[in-house]
PDB file of N, CA and C in Angstrom:
ATOM      1  N   UNK A   1     195.172 148.586  70.675  1.00  0.00           N
ATOM      2  CA  UNK A   1     194.948 149.838  71.382  1.00  0.00           C
ATOM      3  C   UNK A   1     195.277 151.010  70.466  1.00  0.00           C
ATOM      4  N   UNK A   2     194.518 152.076  70.609  1.00  0.00           N
ATOM      5  CA  UNK A   2     194.763 153.273  69.830  1.00  0.00           C
ATOM      6  C   UNK A   2     195.249 154.380  70.750  1.00  0.00           C
ATOM      7  N   UNK A   3     196.132 155.211  70.256  1.00  0.00           N
ATOM      8  CA  UNK A   3     196.663 156.302  71.055  1.00  0.00           C
ATOM      9  C   UNK A   3     196.596 157.593  70.271  1.00  0.00           C
ATOM     10  N   UNK A   4     195.873 158.575  70.844  1.00  0.00           N
ATOM     11  CA  UNK A   4     195.753 159.873  70.204  1.00  0.00           C
ATOM     12  C   UNK A   4     196.857 160.802  70.692  1.00  0.00           C
ATOM     13  N   UNK A   5     197.332 161.657  69.798  1.00  0.00           N
ATOM     14  CA  UNK A   5     198.348 162.631  70.151  1.00  0.00           C
ATOM     15  C   UNK A   5     198.204 163.860  69.265  1.00  0.00           C
ATOM     16  N   UNK A   6     198.935 164.916  69.610  1.00  0.00           N
ATOM     17  CA  UNK A   6     198.961 166.107  68.773  1.00  0.00           C
ATOM     18  C   UNK A   6     198.157 167.275  69.297  1.00  0.00           C
ATOM     19  N   UNK A   7     197.508 167.095  70.424  1.00  0.00           N
ATOM     20  CA  UNK A   7     196.728 168.186  70.990  1.00  0.00           C
ATOM     21  C   UNK A   7     197.614 169.298  71.513  1.00  0.00           C
ATOM     22  N   UNK A   8     196.974 170.388  71.915  1.00  0.00           N
ATOM     23  CA  UNK A   8     197.721 171.512  72.462  1.00  0.00           C
ATOM     24  C   UNK A   8     196.850 172.730  72.617  1.00  0.00           C
ATOM     25  N   UNK A   9     197.508 173.853  72.867  1.00  0.00           N
ATOM     26  CA  UNK A   9     196.825 175.140  73.024  1.00  0.00           C
ATOM     27  C   UNK A   9     197.027 175.957  71.760  1.00  0.00           C
ATOM     28  N   UNK A  10     195.938 176.465  71.206  1.00  0.00           N
ATOM     29  CA  UNK A  10     196.007 177.243  69.965  1.00  0.00           C
ATOM     30  C   UNK A  10     195.001 178.374  70.045  1.00  0.00           C
ATOM     31  N   UNK A  11     195.296 179.457  69.355  1.00  0.00           N
ATOM     32  CA  UNK A  11     194.362 180.578  69.318  1.00  0.00           C
ATOM     33  C   UNK A  11     193.235 180.297  68.334  1.00  0.00           C
ATOM     34  N   UNK A  12     192.119 180.935  68.536  1.00  0.00           N
ATOM     35  CA  UNK A  12     190.994 180.810  67.616  1.00  0.00           C
ATOM     36  C   UNK A  12     191.456 181.151  66.197  1.00  0.00           C
ATOM     37  N   UNK A  13     191.006 180.342  65.254  1.00  0.00           N
ATOM     38  CA  UNK A  13     191.422 180.514  63.872  1.00  0.00           C
ATOM     39  C   UNK A  13     192.639 179.700  63.488  1.00  0.00           C
ATOM     40  N   UNK A  14     193.295 179.131  64.484  1.00  0.00           N
ATOM     41  CA  UNK A  14     194.493 178.345  64.230  1.00  0.00           C
ATOM     42  C   UNK A  14     194.182 176.920  63.819  1.00  0.00           C
ATOM     43  N   UNK A  15     195.259 176.128  63.687  1.00  0.00           N
ATOM     44  CA  UNK A  15     195.139 174.743  63.219  1.00  0.00           C
ATOM     45  C   UNK A  15     195.931 173.800  64.114  1.00  0.00           C
ATOM     46  N   UNK A  16     195.482 172.566  64.135  1.00  0.00           N
ATOM     47  CA  UNK A  16     196.200 171.477  64.789  1.00  0.00           C
ATOM     48  C   UNK A  16     195.976 170.223  63.970  1.00  0.00           C
ATOM     49  N   UNK A  17     196.945 169.308  64.038  1.00  0.00           N
ATOM     50  CA  UNK A  17     196.752 167.995  63.433  1.00  0.00           C
ATOM     51  C   UNK A  17     196.910 166.935  64.507  1.00  0.00           C
ATOM     52  N   UNK A  18     195.871 166.168  64.697  1.00  0.00           N
ATOM     53  CA  UNK A  18     195.912 165.066  65.641  1.00  0.00           C
ATOM     54  C   UNK A  18     196.262 163.784  64.909  1.00  0.00           C
ATOM     55  N   UNK A  19     196.927 162.885  65.628  1.00  0.00           N
ATOM     56  CA  UNK A  19     197.256 161.570  65.089  1.00  0.00           C
ATOM     57  C   UNK A  19     196.673 160.506  66.005  1.00  0.00           C
ATOM     58  N   UNK A  20     196.287 159.408  65.394  1.00  0.00           N
ATOM     59  CA  UNK A  20     195.777 158.260  66.125  1.00  0.00           C
ATOM     60  C   UNK A  20     196.576 157.054  65.648  1.00  0.00           C
ATOM     61  N   UNK A  21     197.460 156.580  66.491  1.00  0.00           N
ATOM     62  CA  UNK A  21     198.339 155.477  66.135  1.00  0.00           C
ATOM     63  C   UNK A  21     197.794 154.179  66.710  1.00  0.00           C
ATOM     64  N   UNK A  22     197.827 153.142  65.901  1.00  0.00           N
ATOM     65  CA  UNK A  22     197.279 151.857  66.313  1.00  0.00           C
ATOM     66  C   UNK A  22     198.336 150.773  66.262  1.00  0.00           C
ATOM     67  N   UNK A  23     198.169 149.802  67.113  1.00  0.00           N
ATOM     68  CA  UNK A  23     199.010 148.614  67.067  1.00  0.00           C
ATOM     69  C   UNK A  23     198.149 147.453  66.601  1.00  0.00           C
ATOM     70  N   UNK A  24     198.742 146.517  65.921  1.00  0.00           N
ATOM     71  CA  UNK A  24     197.968 145.373  65.467  1.00  0.00           C
ATOM     72  C   UNK A  24     197.900 145.288  63.959  1.00  0.00           C
ATOM     73  N   UNK A  25     197.956 144.083  63.464  1.00  0.00           N
ATOM     74  CA  UNK A  25     198.020 143.886  62.017  1.00  0.00           C
ATOM     75  C   UNK A  25     196.693 144.126  61.318  1.00  0.00           C
ATOM     76  N   UNK A  26     195.580 144.104  62.068  1.00  0.00           N
ATOM     77  CA  UNK A  26     194.270 144.190  61.423  1.00  0.00           C
ATOM     78  C   UNK A  26     193.699 145.594  61.410  1.00  0.00           C
ATOM     79  N   UNK A  27     194.512 146.583  61.750  1.00  0.00           N
ATOM     80  CA  UNK A  27     194.038 147.958  61.806  1.00  0.00           C
ATOM     81  C   UNK A  27     193.366 148.373  60.514  1.00  0.00           C
ATOM     82  N   UNK A  28     193.921 147.979  59.394  1.00  0.00           N
ATOM     83  CA  UNK A  28     193.415 148.411  58.097  1.00  0.00           C
ATOM     84  C   UNK A  28     192.050 147.831  57.771  1.00  0.00           C
ATOM     85  N   UNK A  29     191.549 146.918  58.573  1.00  0.00           N
ATOM     86  CA  UNK A  29     190.238 146.316  58.340  1.00  0.00           C
ATOM     87  C   UNK A  29     189.119 146.983  59.127  1.00  0.00           C
ATOM     88  N   UNK A  30     189.452 148.034  59.875  1.00  0.00           N
ATOM     89  CA  UNK A  30     188.459 148.678  60.734  1.00  0.00           C
ATOM     90  C   UNK A  30     188.388 150.172  60.500  1.00  0.00           C
ATOM     91  N   UNK A  31     187.148 150.668  60.539  1.00  0.00           N
ATOM     92  CA  UNK A  31     186.981 152.107  60.518  1.00  0.00           C
ATOM     93  C   UNK A  31     187.457 152.713  61.830  1.00  0.00           C
ATOM     94  N   UNK A  32     187.695 154.005  61.805  1.00  0.00           N
ATOM     95  CA  UNK A  32     188.152 154.720  62.990  1.00  0.00           C
ATOM     96  C   UNK A  32     187.312 155.972  63.164  1.00  0.00           C
ATOM     97  N   UNK A  33     186.973 156.241  64.383  1.00  0.00           N
ATOM     98  CA  UNK A  33     186.208 157.444  64.696  1.00  0.00           C
ATOM     99  C   UNK A  33     186.957 158.355  65.639  1.00  0.00           C
ATOM    100  N   UNK A  34     186.732 159.634  65.486  1.00  0.00           N
ATOM    101  CA  UNK A  34     187.210 160.633  66.451  1.00  0.00           C
ATOM    102  C   UNK A  34     185.994 161.159  67.214  1.00  0.00           C
ATOM    103  N   UNK A  35     186.137 161.227  68.515  1.00  0.00           N
ATOM    104  CA  UNK A  35     185.106 161.765  69.379  1.00  0.00           C
ATOM    105  C   UNK A  35     185.753 162.833  70.263  1.00  0.00           C
ATOM    106  N   UNK A  36     184.938 163.667  70.854  1.00  0.00           N
ATOM    107  CA  UNK A  36     185.485 164.658  71.783  1.00  0.00           C
ATOM    108  C   UNK A  36     184.538 164.816  72.963  1.00  0.00           C
ATOM    109  N   UNK A  37     185.134 165.214  74.066  1.00  0.00           N
ATOM    110  CA  UNK A  37     184.351 165.408  75.276  1.00  0.00           C
ATOM    111  C   UNK A  37     184.823 166.667  75.982  1.00  0.00           C
ATOM    112  N   UNK A  38     183.911 167.619  76.086  1.00  0.00           N
ATOM    113  CA  UNK A  38     184.182 168.852  76.806  1.00  0.00           C
ATOM    114  C   UNK A  38     183.737 168.674  78.252  1.00  0.00           C
ATOM    115  N   UNK A  39     184.267 169.458  79.169  1.00  0.00           N
ATOM    116  CA  UNK A  39     183.893 169.334  80.579  1.00  0.00           C
ATOM    117  C   UNK A  39     182.389 169.453  80.780  1.00  0.00           C
ATOM    118  N   UNK A  40     181.828 168.494  81.487  1.00  0.00           N
ATOM    119  CA  UNK A  40     180.406 168.531  81.787  1.00  0.00           C
ATOM    120  C   UNK A  40     179.497 168.127  80.644  1.00  0.00           C
ATOM    121  N   UNK A  41     180.082 167.666  79.553  1.00  0.00           N
ATOM    122  CA  UNK A  41     179.273 167.288  78.388  1.00  0.00           C
ATOM    123  C   UNK A  41     179.484 165.830  78.023  1.00  0.00           C
ATOM    124  N   UNK A  42     178.558 165.318  77.225  1.00  0.00           N
ATOM    125  CA  UNK A  42     178.667 163.948  76.732  1.00  0.00           C
ATOM    126  C   UNK A  42     179.771 163.863  75.675  1.00  0.00           C
ATOM    127  N   UNK A  43     180.347 162.677  75.567  1.00  0.00           N
ATOM    128  CA  UNK A  43     181.302 162.448  74.482  1.00  0.00           C
ATOM    129  C   UNK A  43     180.534 162.416  73.169  1.00  0.00           C
ATOM    130  N   UNK A  44     180.999 163.180  72.193  1.00  0.00           N
ATOM    131  CA  UNK A  44     180.259 163.301  70.939  1.00  0.00           C
ATOM    132  C   UNK A  44     181.121 162.918  69.744  1.00  0.00           C
ATOM    133  N   UNK A  45     180.433 162.441  68.728  1.00  0.00           N
ATOM    134  CA  UNK A  45     181.080 162.069  67.473  1.00  0.00           C
ATOM    135  C   UNK A  45     181.552 163.324  66.754  1.00  0.00           C
ATOM    136  N   UNK A  46     182.775 163.275  66.250  1.00  0.00           N
ATOM    137  CA  UNK A  46     183.328 164.381  65.485  1.00  0.00           C
ATOM    138  C   UNK A  46     183.440 163.997  64.014  1.00  0.00           C
ATOM    139  N   UNK A  47     184.086 162.863  63.766  1.00  0.00           N
ATOM    140  CA  UNK A  47     184.292 162.418  62.393  1.00  0.00           C
ATOM    141  C   UNK A  47     184.682 160.956  62.378  1.00  0.00           C
ATOM    142  N   UNK A  48     184.507 160.311  61.243  1.00  0.00           N
ATOM    143  CA  UNK A  48     184.901 158.925  61.118  1.00  0.00           C
ATOM    144  C   UNK A  48     185.373 158.640  59.709  1.00  0.00           C
ATOM    145  N   UNK A  49     186.156 157.582  59.581  1.00  0.00           N
ATOM    146  CA  UNK A  49     186.659 157.178  58.281  1.00  0.00           C
ATOM    147  C   UNK A  49     186.519 155.667  58.173  1.00  0.00           C
ATOM    148  N   UNK A  50     186.138 155.204  56.992  1.00  0.00           N
ATOM    149  CA  UNK A  50     185.932 153.777  56.792  1.00  0.00           C
ATOM    150  C   UNK A  50     187.258 153.046  56.764  1.00  0.00           C
ATOM    151  N   UNK A  51     187.197 151.703  56.806  1.00  0.00           N
ATOM    152  CA  UNK A  51     188.404 150.893  56.877  1.00  0.00           C
ATOM    153  C   UNK A  51     189.298 151.117  55.661  1.00  0.00           C
ATOM    154  N   UNK A  52     188.683 151.369  54.504  1.00  0.00           N
ATOM    155  CA  UNK A  52     189.458 151.569  53.281  1.00  0.00           C
ATOM    156  C   UNK A  52     189.897 153.016  53.103  1.00  0.00           C
ATOM    157  N   UNK A  53     189.280 153.905  53.858  1.00  0.00           N
ATOM    158  CA  UNK A  53     189.544 155.324  53.669  1.00  0.00           C
ATOM    159  C   UNK A  53     188.657 155.952  52.611  1.00  0.00           C
ATOM    160  N   UNK A  54     187.800 155.146  52.005  1.00  0.00           N
ATOM    161  CA  UNK A  54     186.988 155.647  50.916  1.00  0.00           C
ATOM    162  C   UNK A  54     185.778 156.449  51.336  1.00  0.00           C
ATOM    163  N   UNK A  55     185.386 156.316  52.600  1.00  0.00           N
ATOM    164  CA  UNK A  55     184.227 157.054  53.102  1.00  0.00           C
ATOM    165  C   UNK A  55     184.600 157.811  54.360  1.00  0.00           C
ATOM    166  N   UNK A  56     184.042 159.000  54.463  1.00  0.00           N
ATOM    167  CA  UNK A  56     184.215 159.800  55.667  1.00  0.00           C
ATOM    168  C   UNK A  56     182.875 160.412  56.060  1.00  0.00           C
ATOM    169  N   UNK A  57     182.773 160.800  57.311  1.00  0.00           N
ATOM    170  CA  UNK A  57     181.565 161.455  57.796  1.00  0.00           C
ATOM    171  C   UNK A  57     181.992 162.466  58.854  1.00  0.00           C
ATOM    172  N   UNK A  58     181.236 163.556  58.940  1.00  0.00           N
ATOM    173  CA  UNK A  58     181.580 164.635  59.857  1.00  0.00           C
ATOM    174  C   UNK A  58     180.346 165.134  60.593  1.00  0.00           C
ATOM    175  N   UNK A  59     180.543 165.536  61.820  1.00  0.00           N
ATOM    176  CA  UNK A  59     179.490 166.242  62.543  1.00  0.00           C
ATOM    177  C   UNK A  59     179.292 167.594  61.875  1.00  0.00           C
ATOM    178  N   UNK A  60     178.067 168.080  61.900  1.00  0.00           N
ATOM    179  CA  UNK A  60     177.775 169.360  61.253  1.00  0.00           C
ATOM    180  C   UNK A  60     178.654 170.485  61.797  1.00  0.00           C
ATOM    181  N   UNK A  61     178.987 170.408  63.058  1.00  0.00           N
ATOM    182  CA  UNK A  61     179.739 171.482  63.709  1.00  0.00           C
ATOM    183  C   UNK A  61     181.174 171.607  63.204  1.00  0.00           C
ATOM    184  N   UNK A  62     181.673 170.580  62.520  1.00  0.00           N
ATOM    185  CA  UNK A  62     183.071 170.638  62.061  1.00  0.00           C
ATOM    186  C   UNK A  62     183.209 170.529  60.546  1.00  0.00           C
ATOM    187  N   UNK A  63     182.108 170.334  59.853  1.00  0.00           N
ATOM    188  CA  UNK A  63     182.167 170.212  58.394  1.00  0.00           C
ATOM    189  C   UNK A  63     182.808 171.447  57.778  1.00  0.00           C
ATOM    190  N   UNK A  64     183.707 171.198  56.838  1.00  0.00           N
ATOM    191  CA  UNK A  64     184.377 172.294  56.158  1.00  0.00           C
ATOM    192  C   UNK A  64     185.598 172.809  56.896  1.00  0.00           C
ATOM    193  N   UNK A  65     185.787 172.385  58.143  1.00  0.00           N
ATOM    194  CA  UNK A  65     186.944 172.828  58.930  1.00  0.00           C
ATOM    195  C   UNK A  65     187.886 171.678  59.277  1.00  0.00           C
ATOM    196  N   UNK A  66     187.335 170.500  59.503  1.00  0.00           N
ATOM    197  CA  UNK A  66     188.129 169.336  59.891  1.00  0.00           C
ATOM    198  C   UNK A  66     188.205 168.353  58.722  1.00  0.00           C
ATOM    199  N   UNK A  67     189.330 167.653  58.636  1.00  0.00           N
ATOM    200  CA  UNK A  67     189.512 166.631  57.609  1.00  0.00           C
ATOM    201  C   UNK A  67     190.157 165.401  58.239  1.00  0.00           C
ATOM    202  N   UNK A  68     189.524 164.256  58.026  1.00  0.00           N
ATOM    203  CA  UNK A  68     190.074 163.000  58.524  1.00  0.00           C
ATOM    204  C   UNK A  68     190.713 162.248  57.369  1.00  0.00           C
ATOM    205  N   UNK A  69     191.808 161.557  57.666  1.00  0.00           N
ATOM    206  CA  UNK A  69     192.475 160.742  56.645  1.00  0.00           C
ATOM    207  C   UNK A  69     193.174 159.595  57.354  1.00  0.00           C
ATOM    208  N   UNK A  70     193.624 158.615  56.582  1.00  0.00           N
ATOM    209  CA  UNK A  70     194.332 157.495  57.188  1.00  0.00           C
ATOM    210  C   UNK A  70     195.451 157.027  56.282  1.00  0.00           C
ATOM    211  N   UNK A  71     196.466 156.483  56.912  1.00  0.00           N
ATOM    212  CA  UNK A  71     197.592 155.868  56.214  1.00  0.00           C
ATOM    213  C   UNK A  71     197.723 154.468  56.792  1.00  0.00           C
ATOM    214  N   UNK A  72     197.160 153.502  56.120  1.00  0.00           N
ATOM    215  CA  UNK A  72     197.155 152.143  56.665  1.00  0.00           C
ATOM    216  C   UNK A  72     198.562 151.529  56.719  1.00  0.00           C
ATOM    217  N   UNK A  73     199.443 151.993  55.869  1.00  0.00           N
ATOM    218  CA  UNK A  73     200.819 151.492  55.911  1.00  0.00           C
ATOM    219  C   UNK A  73     201.502 151.900  57.214  1.00  0.00           C
ATOM    220  N   UNK A  74     201.059 153.017  57.784  1.00  0.00           N
ATOM    221  CA  UNK A  74     201.634 153.510  59.040  1.00  0.00           C
ATOM    222  C   UNK A  74     200.720 153.239  60.230  1.00  0.00           C
ATOM    223  N   UNK A  75     199.597 152.552  59.978  1.00  0.00           N
ATOM    224  CA  UNK A  75     198.637 152.282  61.062  1.00  0.00           C
ATOM    225  C   UNK A  75     198.241 153.561  61.797  1.00  0.00           C
ATOM    226  N   UNK A  76     197.992 154.600  61.044  1.00  0.00           N
ATOM    227  CA  UNK A  76     197.715 155.897  61.655  1.00  0.00           C
ATOM    228  C   UNK A  76     196.543 156.590  60.953  1.00  0.00           C
ATOM    229  N   UNK A  77     195.711 157.218  61.769  1.00  0.00           N
ATOM    230  CA  UNK A  77     194.632 158.066  61.271  1.00  0.00           C
ATOM    231  C   UNK A  77     194.920 159.493  61.728  1.00  0.00           C
ATOM    232  N   UNK A  78     194.652 160.434  60.848  1.00  0.00           N
ATOM    233  CA  UNK A  78     194.932 161.835  61.137  1.00  0.00           C
ATOM    234  C   UNK A  78     193.645 162.650  61.177  1.00  0.00           C
ATOM    235  N   UNK A  79     193.674 163.693  61.983  1.00  0.00           N
ATOM    236  CA  UNK A  79     192.574 164.649  62.011  1.00  0.00           C
ATOM    237  C   UNK A  79     193.167 166.043  61.884  1.00  0.00           C
ATOM    238  N   UNK A  80     192.999 166.628  60.716  1.00  0.00           N
ATOM    239  CA  UNK A  80     193.455 167.996  60.481  1.00  0.00           C
ATOM    240  C   UNK A  80     192.333 168.947  60.875  1.00  0.00           C
ATOM    241  N   UNK A  81     192.631 169.830  61.804  1.00  0.00           N
ATOM    242  CA  UNK A  81     191.623 170.756  62.318  1.00  0.00           C
ATOM    243  C   UNK A  81     192.045 172.183  61.990  1.00  0.00           C
ATOM    244  N   UNK A  82     191.249 172.841  61.167  1.00  0.00           N
ATOM    245  CA  UNK A  82     191.521 174.215  60.768  1.00  0.00           C
ATOM    246  C   UNK A  82     190.421 175.138  61.288  1.00  0.00           C
ATOM    247  N   UNK A  83     190.697 176.426  61.267  1.00  0.00           N
ATOM    248  CA  UNK A  83     189.716 177.430  61.705  1.00  0.00           C
ATOM    249  C   UNK A  83     189.112 177.061  63.054  1.00  0.00           C
ATOM    250  N   UNK A  84     189.965 176.721  63.976  1.00  0.00           N
ATOM    251  CA  UNK A  84     189.494 176.259  65.276  1.00  0.00           C
ATOM    252  C   UNK A  84     188.757 177.355  66.031  1.00  0.00           C
ATOM    253  N   UNK A  85     187.769 176.925  66.795  1.00  0.00           N
ATOM    254  CA  UNK A  85     186.930 177.832  67.576  1.00  0.00           C
ATOM    255  C   UNK A  85     187.031 177.452  69.056  1.00  0.00           C
ATOM    256  N   UNK A  86     186.761 178.375  69.942  1.00  0.00           N
ATOM    257  CA  UNK A  86     186.788 178.039  71.375  1.00  0.00           C
ATOM    258  C   UNK A  86     185.875 176.868  71.713  1.00  0.00           C
ATOM    259  N   UNK A  87     184.783 176.724  71.000  1.00  0.00           N
ATOM    260  CA  UNK A  87     183.867 175.615  71.283  1.00  0.00           C
ATOM    261  C   UNK A  87     184.416 174.265  70.839  1.00  0.00           C
ATOM    262  N   UNK A  88     185.542 174.247  70.166  1.00  0.00           N
ATOM    263  CA  UNK A  88     186.204 172.985  69.816  1.00  0.00           C
ATOM    264  C   UNK A  88     187.042 172.457  70.980  1.00  0.00           C
ATOM    265  N   UNK A  89     187.170 173.240  72.022  1.00  0.00           N
ATOM    266  CA  UNK A  89     187.958 172.822  73.189  1.00  0.00           C
ATOM    267  C   UNK A  89     187.356 171.579  73.818  1.00  0.00           C
ATOM    268  N   UNK A  90     188.185 170.547  73.952  1.00  0.00           N
ATOM    269  CA  UNK A  90     187.718 169.257  74.479  1.00  0.00           C
ATOM    270  C   UNK A  90     188.906 168.294  74.522  1.00  0.00           C
ATOM    271  N   UNK A  91     188.675 167.161  75.145  1.00  0.00           N
ATOM    272  CA  UNK A  91     189.607 166.039  75.011  1.00  0.00           C
ATOM    273  C   UNK A  91     189.144 165.235  73.806  1.00  0.00           C
ATOM    274  N   UNK A  92     190.065 164.976  72.898  1.00  0.00           N
ATOM    275  CA  UNK A  92     189.749 164.249  71.679  1.00  0.00           C
ATOM    276  C   UNK A  92     190.241 162.806  71.795  1.00  0.00           C
ATOM    277  N   UNK A  93     189.339 161.892  71.461  1.00  0.00           N
ATOM    278  CA  UNK A  93     189.626 160.468  71.530  1.00  0.00           C
ATOM    279  C   UNK A  93     189.467 159.833  70.153  1.00  0.00           C
ATOM    280  N   UNK A  94     190.266 158.824  69.888  1.00  0.00           N
ATOM    281  CA  UNK A  94     190.027 158.003  68.706  1.00  0.00           C
ATOM    282  C   UNK A  94     189.720 156.588  69.172  1.00  0.00           C
ATOM    283  N   UNK A  95     188.998 155.886  68.332  1.00  0.00           N
ATOM    284  CA  UNK A  95     188.604 154.524  68.664  1.00  0.00           C
ATOM    285  C   UNK A  95     188.333 153.764  67.382  1.00  0.00           C
ATOM    286  N   UNK A  96     188.418 152.453  67.470  1.00  0.00           N
ATOM    287  CA  UNK A  96     188.203 151.598  66.311  1.00  0.00           C
ATOM    288  C   UNK A  96     186.776 151.084  66.279  1.00  0.00           C
ATOM    289  N   UNK A  97     186.231 150.986  65.103  1.00  0.00           N
ATOM    290  CA  UNK A  97     184.900 150.414  64.912  1.00  0.00           C
ATOM    291  C   UNK A  97     184.916 148.960  65.386  1.00  0.00           C
ATOM    292  N   UNK A  98     183.852 148.533  65.992  1.00  0.00           N
ATOM    293  CA  UNK A  98     183.782 147.158  66.474  1.00  0.00           C
ATOM    294  C   UNK A  98     183.437 146.168  65.375  1.00  0.00           C
ATOM    295  N   UNK A  99     183.033 146.656  64.214  1.00  0.00           N
ATOM    296  CA  UNK A  99     182.617 145.810  63.099  1.00  0.00           C
ATOM    297  C   UNK A  99     183.694 145.830  62.018  1.00  0.00           C
ATOM    298  N   UNK A 100     184.192 144.654  61.652  1.00  0.00           N
ATOM    299  CA  UNK A 100     185.223 144.585  60.637  1.00  0.00           C
ATOM    300  C   UNK A 100     184.641 144.934  59.267  1.00  0.00           C
ATOM    301  N   UNK A 101     185.359 145.785  58.553  1.00  0.00           N
ATOM    302  CA  UNK A 101     184.988 146.187  57.182  1.00  0.00           C
ATOM    303  C   UNK A 101     183.513 146.630  57.085  1.00  0.00           C
ATOM    304  N   UNK A 102     183.089 147.452  58.026  1.00  0.00           N
ATOM    305  CA  UNK A 102     181.720 147.972  57.988  1.00  0.00           C
ATOM    306  C   UNK A 102     181.510 148.780  56.713  1.00  0.00           C
ATOM    307  N   UNK A 103     180.333 148.653  56.136  1.00  0.00           N
ATOM    308  CA  UNK A 103     179.969 149.507  54.994  1.00  0.00           C
ATOM    309  C   UNK A 103     179.383 150.774  55.593  1.00  0.00           C
ATOM    310  N   UNK A 104     180.084 151.861  55.426  1.00  0.00           N
ATOM    311  CA  UNK A 104     179.619 153.099  56.026  1.00  0.00           C
ATOM    312  C   UNK A 104     180.332 153.408  57.321  1.00  0.00           C
ATOM    313  N   UNK A 105     179.832 154.417  58.026  1.00  0.00           N
ATOM    314  CA  UNK A 105     180.458 154.887  59.259  1.00  0.00           C
ATOM    315  C   UNK A 105     179.391 155.077  60.316  1.00  0.00           C
ATOM    316  N   UNK A 106     179.635 154.555  61.488  1.00  0.00           N
ATOM    317  CA  UNK A 106     178.678 154.737  62.576  1.00  0.00           C
ATOM    318  C   UNK A 106     179.081 155.928  63.436  1.00  0.00           C
ATOM    319  N   UNK A 107     178.141 156.798  63.782  1.00  0.00           N
ATOM    320  CA  UNK A 107     178.425 157.908  64.691  1.00  0.00           C
ATOM    321  C   UNK A 107     178.175 157.539  66.158  1.00  0.00           C
ATOM    322  N   UNK A 108     177.788 156.277  66.400  1.00  0.00           N
ATOM    323  CA  UNK A 108     177.416 155.857  67.755  1.00  0.00           C
ATOM    324  C   UNK A 108     178.636 155.470  68.562  1.00  0.00           C
ATOM    325  N   UNK A 109     178.806 156.099  69.691  1.00  0.00           N
ATOM    326  CA  UNK A 109     179.931 155.823  70.565  1.00  0.00           C
ATOM    327  C   UNK A 109     179.995 154.357  70.956  1.00  0.00           C
ATOM    328  N   UNK A 110     178.851 153.744  71.147  1.00  0.00           N
ATOM    329  CA  UNK A 110     178.800 152.358  71.603  1.00  0.00           C
ATOM    330  C   UNK A 110     179.273 151.363  70.543  1.00  0.00           C
ATOM    331  N   UNK A 111     179.435 151.817  69.318  1.00  0.00           N
ATOM    332  CA  UNK A 111     179.896 150.929  68.249  1.00  0.00           C
ATOM    333  C   UNK A 111     181.426 150.874  68.177  1.00  0.00           C
ATOM    334  N   UNK A 112     182.090 151.611  69.035  1.00  0.00           N
ATOM    335  CA  UNK A 112     183.540 151.699  68.957  1.00  0.00           C
ATOM    336  C   UNK A 112     184.212 151.059  70.167  1.00  0.00           C
ATOM    337  N   UNK A 113     185.405 150.518  69.925  1.00  0.00           N
ATOM    338  CA  UNK A 113     186.173 149.850  70.966  1.00  0.00           C
ATOM    339  C   UNK A 113     187.620 150.339  70.921  1.00  0.00           C
ATOM    340  N   UNK A 114     188.409 149.861  71.850  1.00  0.00           N
ATOM    341  CA  UNK A 114     189.845 150.155  71.913  1.00  0.00           C
ATOM    342  C   UNK A 114     190.094 151.664  71.994  1.00  0.00           C
ATOM    343  N   UNK A 115     189.414 152.297  72.927  1.00  0.00           N
ATOM    344  CA  UNK A 115     189.592 153.723  73.134  1.00  0.00           C
ATOM    345  C   UNK A 115     190.961 154.013  73.723  1.00  0.00           C
ATOM    346  N   UNK A 116     191.613 155.062  73.223  1.00  0.00           N
ATOM    347  CA  UNK A 116     192.872 155.518  73.784  1.00  0.00           C
ATOM    348  C   UNK A 116     192.606 156.515  74.895  1.00  0.00           C
ATOM    349  N   UNK A 117     193.667 157.119  75.428  1.00  0.00           N
ATOM    350  CA  UNK A 117     193.542 158.036  76.556  1.00  0.00           C
ATOM    351  C   UNK A 117     193.047 159.417  76.156  1.00  0.00           C
ATOM    352  N   UNK A 118     193.177 159.776  74.910  1.00  0.00           N
ATOM    353  CA  UNK A 118     192.728 161.093  74.479  1.00  0.00           C
ATOM    354  C   UNK A 118     193.825 162.136  74.528  1.00  0.00           C
ATOM    355  N   UNK A 119     193.594 163.213  73.810  1.00  0.00           N
ATOM    356  CA  UNK A 119     194.539 164.323  73.785  1.00  0.00           C
ATOM    357  C   UNK A 119     193.767 165.636  73.925  1.00  0.00           C
ATOM    358  N   UNK A 120     194.274 166.523  74.774  1.00  0.00           N
ATOM    359  CA  UNK A 120     193.561 167.762  75.067  1.00  0.00           C
ATOM    360  C   UNK A 120     193.791 168.793  73.970  1.00  0.00           C
ATOM    361  N   UNK A 121     192.695 169.383  73.515  1.00  0.00           N
ATOM    362  CA  UNK A 121     192.749 170.500  72.576  1.00  0.00           C
ATOM    363  C   UNK A 121     192.098 171.702  73.254  1.00  0.00           C
ATOM    364  N   UNK A 122     192.835 172.788  73.343  1.00  0.00           N
ATOM    365  CA  UNK A 122     192.316 173.997  73.962  1.00  0.00           C
ATOM    366  C   UNK A 122     192.454 175.147  72.973  1.00  0.00           C
ATOM    367  N   UNK A 123     191.327 175.790  72.693  1.00  0.00           N
ATOM    368  CA  UNK A 123     191.313 176.903  71.752  1.00  0.00           C
ATOM    369  C   UNK A 123     190.963 178.166  72.517  1.00  0.00           C
ATOM    370  N   UNK A 124     191.880 179.108  72.512  1.00  0.00           N
ATOM    371  CA  UNK A 124     191.648 180.356  73.235  1.00  0.00           C
ATOM    372  C   UNK A 124     191.041 181.405  72.309  1.00  0.00           C
ATOM    373  N   UNK A 125     190.226 182.269  72.890  1.00  0.00           N
ATOM    374  CA  UNK A 125     189.560 183.302  72.080  1.00  0.00           C
ATOM    375  C   UNK A 125     190.386 184.579  72.015  1.00  0.00           C
TER     376      UNK A 125
END
């Protein structure tokens, strides 16, 4: 199971760092994705990182502002969010790729499993 944390209320232009903590010895063999869901909207892909940490991918809306990283020794993936905008307001979820040691990163929600409860991020204008 994965558990996201670190959300909160921040003013536009501010920063937050989210953490995604995992249990299980095989965490380092799976990519991890961050998704977000705003009220009344579909859950959308934000960013993902490969099992090794060597590859990352970002939605166009967050490129240059968000950075994903992982520390496999701590079974944790991080999402550093800078220059936050009101449109970034959403519940943020992390999840593990369903494919072990996938080459590349899938942006498809259906490819991910072990979703956590999510953490709320609210950006005020």
